[in-house]
């Protein structure tokens, strides 16, 4: 069984939602976390700039 998942479309949708104001940064961070992604995962997938969302969520 292939355990690798392609989160590209999901991440794109979350990024678009945040940029267009359909969700807050903290909501986006929760969605990413619920997907099981960590800050390290985002960096590995090439979305390290989203780690700011995790940092803001942790700071609340």
PDB file of N, CA and C in Angstrom:
ATOM      1  N   UNK A   1       0.843  -1.170   0.000  1.00  0.00           N
ATOM      2  CA  UNK A   1       0.000   0.000   0.000  1.00  0.00           C
ATOM      3  C   UNK A   1       0.893   1.240   0.000  1.00  0.00           C
ATOM      4  N   UNK A   2       0.559   2.207  -0.844  1.00  0.00           N
ATOM      5  CA  UNK A   2       1.314   3.451  -0.927  1.00  0.00           C
ATOM      6  C   UNK A   2       0.840   4.402   0.164  1.00  0.00           C
ATOM      7  N   UNK A   3       1.709   4.695   1.098  1.00  0.00           N
ATOM      8  CA  UNK A   3       1.344   5.577   2.202  1.00  0.00           C
ATOM      9  C   UNK A   3       1.590   7.044   1.877  1.00  0.00           C
ATOM     10  N   UNK A   4       2.275   7.311   0.778  1.00  0.00           N
ATOM     11  CA  UNK A   4       2.511   8.699   0.384  1.00  0.00           C
ATOM     12  C   UNK A   4       1.220   9.282  -0.160  1.00  0.00           C
ATOM     13  N   UNK A   5       0.903  10.461   0.315  1.00  0.00           N
ATOM     14  CA  UNK A   5      -0.297  11.142  -0.147  1.00  0.00           C
ATOM     15  C   UNK A   5       0.107  12.420  -0.849  1.00  0.00           C
ATOM     16  N   UNK A   6      -0.654  12.779  -1.839  1.00  0.00           N
ATOM     17  CA  UNK A   6      -0.422  14.029  -2.550  1.00  0.00           C
ATOM     18  C   UNK A   6      -1.384  15.073  -1.990  1.00  0.00           C
ATOM     19  N   UNK A   7      -0.835  15.981  -1.205  1.00  0.00           N
ATOM     20  CA  UNK A   7      -1.635  17.020  -0.578  1.00  0.00           C
ATOM     21  C   UNK A   7      -1.666  18.303  -1.405  1.00  0.00           C
ATOM     22  N   UNK A   8      -1.125  18.281  -2.608  1.00  0.00           N
ATOM     23  CA  UNK A   8      -0.973  19.500  -3.393  1.00  0.00           C
ATOM     24  C   UNK A   8      -2.295  20.233  -3.575  1.00  0.00           C
ATOM     25  N   UNK A   9      -3.327  19.541  -4.024  1.00  0.00           N
ATOM     26  CA  UNK A   9      -4.611  20.199  -4.255  1.00  0.00           C
ATOM     27  C   UNK A   9      -5.239  20.692  -2.959  1.00  0.00           C
ATOM     28  N   UNK A  10      -5.132  19.905  -1.908  1.00  0.00           N
ATOM     29  CA  UNK A  10      -5.690  20.314  -0.621  1.00  0.00           C
ATOM     30  C   UNK A  10      -4.979  21.558  -0.110  1.00  0.00           C
ATOM     31  N   UNK A  11      -3.649  21.554  -0.177  1.00  0.00           N
ATOM     32  CA  UNK A  11      -2.891  22.721   0.267  1.00  0.00           C
ATOM     33  C   UNK A  11      -3.233  23.939  -0.570  1.00  0.00           C
ATOM     34  N   UNK A  12      -3.362  23.752  -1.873  1.00  0.00           N
ATOM     35  CA  UNK A  12      -3.711  24.875  -2.749  1.00  0.00           C
ATOM     36  C   UNK A  12      -5.063  25.457  -2.356  1.00  0.00           C
ATOM     37  N   UNK A  13      -6.031  24.602  -2.075  1.00  0.00           N
ATOM     38  CA  UNK A  13      -7.348  25.087  -1.663  1.00  0.00           C
ATOM     39  C   UNK A  13      -7.279  25.853  -0.348  1.00  0.00           C
ATOM     40  N   UNK A  14      -6.516  25.350   0.604  1.00  0.00           N
ATOM     41  CA  UNK A  14      -6.375  26.030   1.888  1.00  0.00           C
ATOM     42  C   UNK A  14      -5.687  27.372   1.699  1.00  0.00           C
ATOM     43  N   UNK A  15      -4.631  27.401   0.899  1.00  0.00           N
ATOM     44  CA  UNK A  15      -3.919  28.650   0.628  1.00  0.00           C
ATOM     45  C   UNK A  15      -4.862  29.646  -0.036  1.00  0.00           C
ATOM     46  N   UNK A  16      -5.610  29.199  -1.039  1.00  0.00           N
ATOM     47  CA  UNK A  16      -6.549  30.083  -1.732  1.00  0.00           C
ATOM     48  C   UNK A  16      -7.618  30.607  -0.778  1.00  0.00           C
ATOM     49  N   UNK A  17      -8.146  29.729   0.077  1.00  0.00           N
ATOM     50  CA  UNK A  17      -9.156  30.155   1.047  1.00  0.00           C
ATOM     51  C   UNK A  17      -8.612  31.239   1.961  1.00  0.00           C
ATOM     52  N   UNK A  18      -7.391  31.051   2.429  1.00  0.00           N
ATOM     53  CA  UNK A  18      -6.794  32.034   3.338  1.00  0.00           C
ATOM     54  C   UNK A  18      -6.541  33.347   2.612  1.00  0.00           C
ATOM     55  N   UNK A  19      -5.986  33.286   1.415  1.00  0.00           N
ATOM     56  CA  UNK A  19      -5.679  34.496   0.656  1.00  0.00           C
ATOM     57  C   UNK A  19      -6.928  35.280   0.291  1.00  0.00           C
ATOM     58  N   UNK A  20      -8.019  34.578   0.032  1.00  0.00           N
ATOM     59  CA  UNK A  20      -9.258  35.230  -0.374  1.00  0.00           C
ATOM     60  C   UNK A  20     -10.175  35.533   0.807  1.00  0.00           C
ATOM     61  N   UNK A  21      -9.692  35.300   2.028  1.00  0.00           N
ATOM     62  CA  UNK A  21     -10.440  35.667   3.221  1.00  0.00           C
ATOM     63  C   UNK A  21     -11.582  34.742   3.583  1.00  0.00           C
ATOM     64  N   UNK A  22     -11.604  33.543   3.034  1.00  0.00           N
ATOM     65  CA  UNK A  22     -12.673  32.595   3.356  1.00  0.00           C
ATOM     66  C   UNK A  22     -12.403  31.834   4.648  1.00  0.00           C
ATOM     67  N   UNK A  23     -11.202  31.947   5.156  1.00  0.00           N
ATOM     68  CA  UNK A  23     -10.885  31.357   6.452  1.00  0.00           C
ATOM     69  C   UNK A  23      -9.807  32.213   7.099  1.00  0.00           C
ATOM     70  N   UNK A  24      -9.747  32.142   8.417  1.00  0.00           N
ATOM     71  CA  UNK A  24      -8.692  32.868   9.115  1.00  0.00           C
ATOM     72  C   UNK A  24      -7.427  32.020   9.112  1.00  0.00           C
ATOM     73  N   UNK A  25      -6.310  32.654   9.431  1.00  0.00           N
ATOM     74  CA  UNK A  25      -5.052  31.901   9.481  1.00  0.00           C
ATOM     75  C   UNK A  25      -5.131  30.779  10.499  1.00  0.00           C
ATOM     76  N   UNK A  26      -5.790  31.039  11.635  1.00  0.00           N
ATOM     77  CA  UNK A  26      -5.872  29.987  12.651  1.00  0.00           C
ATOM     78  C   UNK A  26      -6.738  28.826  12.166  1.00  0.00           C
ATOM     79  N   UNK A  27      -7.807  29.120  11.412  1.00  0.00           N
ATOM     80  CA  UNK A  27      -8.616  28.038  10.851  1.00  0.00           C
ATOM     81  C   UNK A  27      -7.797  27.202   9.886  1.00  0.00           C
ATOM     82  N   UNK A  28      -7.004  27.858   9.058  1.00  0.00           N
ATOM     83  CA  UNK A  28      -6.160  27.138   8.106  1.00  0.00           C
ATOM     84  C   UNK A  28      -5.166  26.252   8.836  1.00  0.00           C
ATOM     85  N   UNK A  29      -4.582  26.772   9.902  1.00  0.00           N
ATOM     86  CA  UNK A  29      -3.626  25.984  10.679  1.00  0.00           C
ATOM     87  C   UNK A  29      -4.304  24.757  11.271  1.00  0.00           C
ATOM     88  N   UNK A  30      -5.536  24.923  11.749  1.00  0.00           N
ATOM     89  CA  UNK A  30      -6.280  23.790  12.300  1.00  0.00           C
ATOM     90  C   UNK A  30      -6.538  22.752  11.212  1.00  0.00           C
ATOM     91  N   UNK A  31      -6.932  23.203  10.024  1.00  0.00           N
ATOM     92  CA  UNK A  31      -7.185  22.263   8.926  1.00  0.00           C
ATOM     93  C   UNK A  31      -5.931  21.480   8.585  1.00  0.00           C
ATOM     94  N   UNK A  32      -4.799  22.172   8.497  1.00  0.00           N
ATOM     95  CA  UNK A  32      -3.542  21.493   8.188  1.00  0.00           C
ATOM     96  C   UNK A  32      -3.203  20.483   9.270  1.00  0.00           C
ATOM     97  N   UNK A  33      -3.398  20.885  10.517  1.00  0.00           N
ATOM     98  CA  UNK A  33      -3.117  19.997  11.637  1.00  0.00           C
ATOM     99  C   UNK A  33      -4.044  18.783  11.608  1.00  0.00           C
ATOM    100  N   UNK A  34      -5.322  19.007  11.308  1.00  0.00           N
ATOM    101  CA  UNK A  34      -6.277  17.898  11.244  1.00  0.00           C
ATOM    102  C   UNK A  34      -5.944  16.924  10.120  1.00  0.00           C
ATOM    103  N   UNK A  35      -5.282  17.423   9.082  1.00  0.00           N
ATOM    104  CA  UNK A  35      -4.832  16.550   7.998  1.00  0.00           C
ATOM    105  C   UNK A  35      -3.643  15.709   8.450  1.00  0.00           C
ATOM    106  N   UNK A  36      -3.099  16.028   9.616  1.00  0.00           N
ATOM    107  CA  UNK A  36      -1.958  15.287  10.124  1.00  0.00           C
ATOM    108  C   UNK A  36      -0.626  15.868   9.712  1.00  0.00           C
ATOM    109  N   UNK A  37      -0.652  17.059   9.110  1.00  0.00           N
ATOM    110  CA  UNK A  37       0.588  17.688   8.664  1.00  0.00           C
ATOM    111  C   UNK A  37       1.221  18.490   9.792  1.00  0.00           C
ATOM    112  N   UNK A  38       2.517  18.402   9.873  1.00  0.00           N
ATOM    113  CA  UNK A  38       3.277  19.191  10.836  1.00  0.00           C
ATOM    114  C   UNK A  38       4.051  20.260  10.083  1.00  0.00           C
ATOM    115  N   UNK A  39       4.659  21.169  10.826  1.00  0.00           N
ATOM    116  CA  UNK A  39       5.490  22.201  10.206  1.00  0.00           C
ATOM    117  C   UNK A  39       6.609  21.558   9.389  1.00  0.00           C
ATOM    118  N   UNK A  40       7.161  20.466   9.888  1.00  0.00           N
ATOM    119  CA  UNK A  40       8.226  19.766   9.171  1.00  0.00           C
ATOM    120  C   UNK A  40       7.708  19.174   7.859  1.00  0.00           C
ATOM    121  N   UNK A  41       6.480  18.635   7.897  1.00  0.00           N
ATOM    122  CA  UNK A  41       5.882  18.088   6.678  1.00  0.00           C
ATOM    123  C   UNK A  41       5.714  19.175   5.625  1.00  0.00           C
ATOM    124  N   UNK A  42       5.243  20.336   6.047  1.00  0.00           N
ATOM    125  CA  UNK A  42       5.041  21.434   5.099  1.00  0.00           C
ATOM    126  C   UNK A  42       6.353  21.842   4.452  1.00  0.00           C
ATOM    127  N   UNK A  43       7.411  21.898   5.250  1.00  0.00           N
ATOM    128  CA  UNK A  43       8.721  22.253   4.709  1.00  0.00           C
ATOM    129  C   UNK A  43       9.163  21.213   3.690  1.00  0.00           C
ATOM    130  N   UNK A  44       8.997  19.941   4.040  1.00  0.00           N
ATOM    131  CA  UNK A  44       9.404  18.860   3.138  1.00  0.00           C
ATOM    132  C   UNK A  44       8.613  18.892   1.829  1.00  0.00           C
ATOM    133  N   UNK A  45       7.339  19.275   1.898  1.00  0.00           N
ATOM    134  CA  UNK A  45       6.490  19.328   0.715  1.00  0.00           C
ATOM    135  C   UNK A  45       6.699  20.594  -0.110  1.00  0.00           C
ATOM    136  N   UNK A  46       7.533  21.509   0.397  1.00  0.00           N
ATOM    137  CA  UNK A  46       7.795  22.742  -0.336  1.00  0.00           C
ATOM    138  C   UNK A  46       6.878  23.887   0.042  1.00  0.00           C
ATOM    139  N   UNK A  47       6.153  23.728   1.133  1.00  0.00           N
ATOM    140  CA  UNK A  47       5.231  24.767   1.595  1.00  0.00           C
ATOM    141  C   UNK A  47       5.677  25.325   2.946  1.00  0.00           C
ATOM    142  N   UNK A  48       6.979  25.449   3.135  1.00  0.00           N
ATOM    143  CA  UNK A  48       7.517  25.917   4.404  1.00  0.00           C
ATOM    144  C   UNK A  48       7.012  27.280   4.814  1.00  0.00           C
ATOM    145  N   UNK A  49       6.651  28.109   3.835  1.00  0.00           N
ATOM    146  CA  UNK A  49       6.152  29.441   4.168  1.00  0.00           C
ATOM    147  C   UNK A  49       4.828  29.386   4.934  1.00  0.00           C
ATOM    148  N   UNK A  50       4.135  28.252   4.892  1.00  0.00           N
ATOM    149  CA  UNK A  50       2.903  28.105   5.663  1.00  0.00           C
ATOM    150  C   UNK A  50       3.174  27.848   7.141  1.00  0.00           C
ATOM    151  N   UNK A  51       4.421  27.634   7.496  1.00  0.00           N
ATOM    152  CA  UNK A  51       4.746  27.391   8.897  1.00  0.00           C
ATOM    153  C   UNK A  51       4.379  28.577   9.768  1.00  0.00           C
ATOM    154  N   UNK A  52       4.281  29.778   9.171  1.00  0.00           N
ATOM    155  CA  UNK A  52       3.829  30.941   9.927  1.00  0.00           C
ATOM    156  C   UNK A  52       2.430  30.716  10.485  1.00  0.00           C
ATOM    157  N   UNK A  53       1.593  29.981   9.761  1.00  0.00           N
ATOM    158  CA  UNK A  53       0.251  29.692  10.250  1.00  0.00           C
ATOM    159  C   UNK A  53       0.312  28.866  11.526  1.00  0.00           C
ATOM    160  N   UNK A  54       1.231  27.890  11.562  1.00  0.00           N
ATOM    161  CA  UNK A  54       1.393  27.082  12.760  1.00  0.00           C
ATOM    162  C   UNK A  54       1.940  27.917  13.905  1.00  0.00           C
ATOM    163  N   UNK A  55       2.884  28.792  13.610  1.00  0.00           N
ATOM    164  CA  UNK A  55       3.488  29.630  14.646  1.00  0.00           C
ATOM    165  C   UNK A  55       2.439  30.531  15.275  1.00  0.00           C
ATOM    166  N   UNK A  56       1.554  31.103  14.467  1.00  0.00           N
ATOM    167  CA  UNK A  56       0.509  31.969  14.993  1.00  0.00           C
ATOM    168  C   UNK A  56      -0.494  31.175  15.804  1.00  0.00           C
ATOM    169  N   UNK A  57      -0.814  29.968  15.377  1.00  0.00           N
ATOM    170  CA  UNK A  57      -1.749  29.126  16.111  1.00  0.00           C
ATOM    171  C   UNK A  57      -1.160  28.744  17.464  1.00  0.00           C
ATOM    172  N   UNK A  58       0.122  28.420  17.508  1.00  0.00           N
ATOM    173  CA  UNK A  58       0.778  28.055  18.761  1.00  0.00           C
ATOM    174  C   UNK A  58       0.852  29.231  19.715  1.00  0.00           C
ATOM    175  N   UNK A  59       0.921  30.439  19.188  1.00  0.00           N
ATOM    176  CA  UNK A  59       1.056  31.630  20.012  1.00  0.00           C
ATOM    177  C   UNK A  59      -0.235  32.103  20.629  1.00  0.00           C
ATOM    178  N   UNK A  60      -1.373  31.588  20.176  1.00  0.00           N
ATOM    179  CA  UNK A  60      -2.670  32.030  20.705  1.00  0.00           C
ATOM    180  C   UNK A  60      -2.933  31.488  22.077  1.00  0.00           C
TER     181      UNK A  60
END
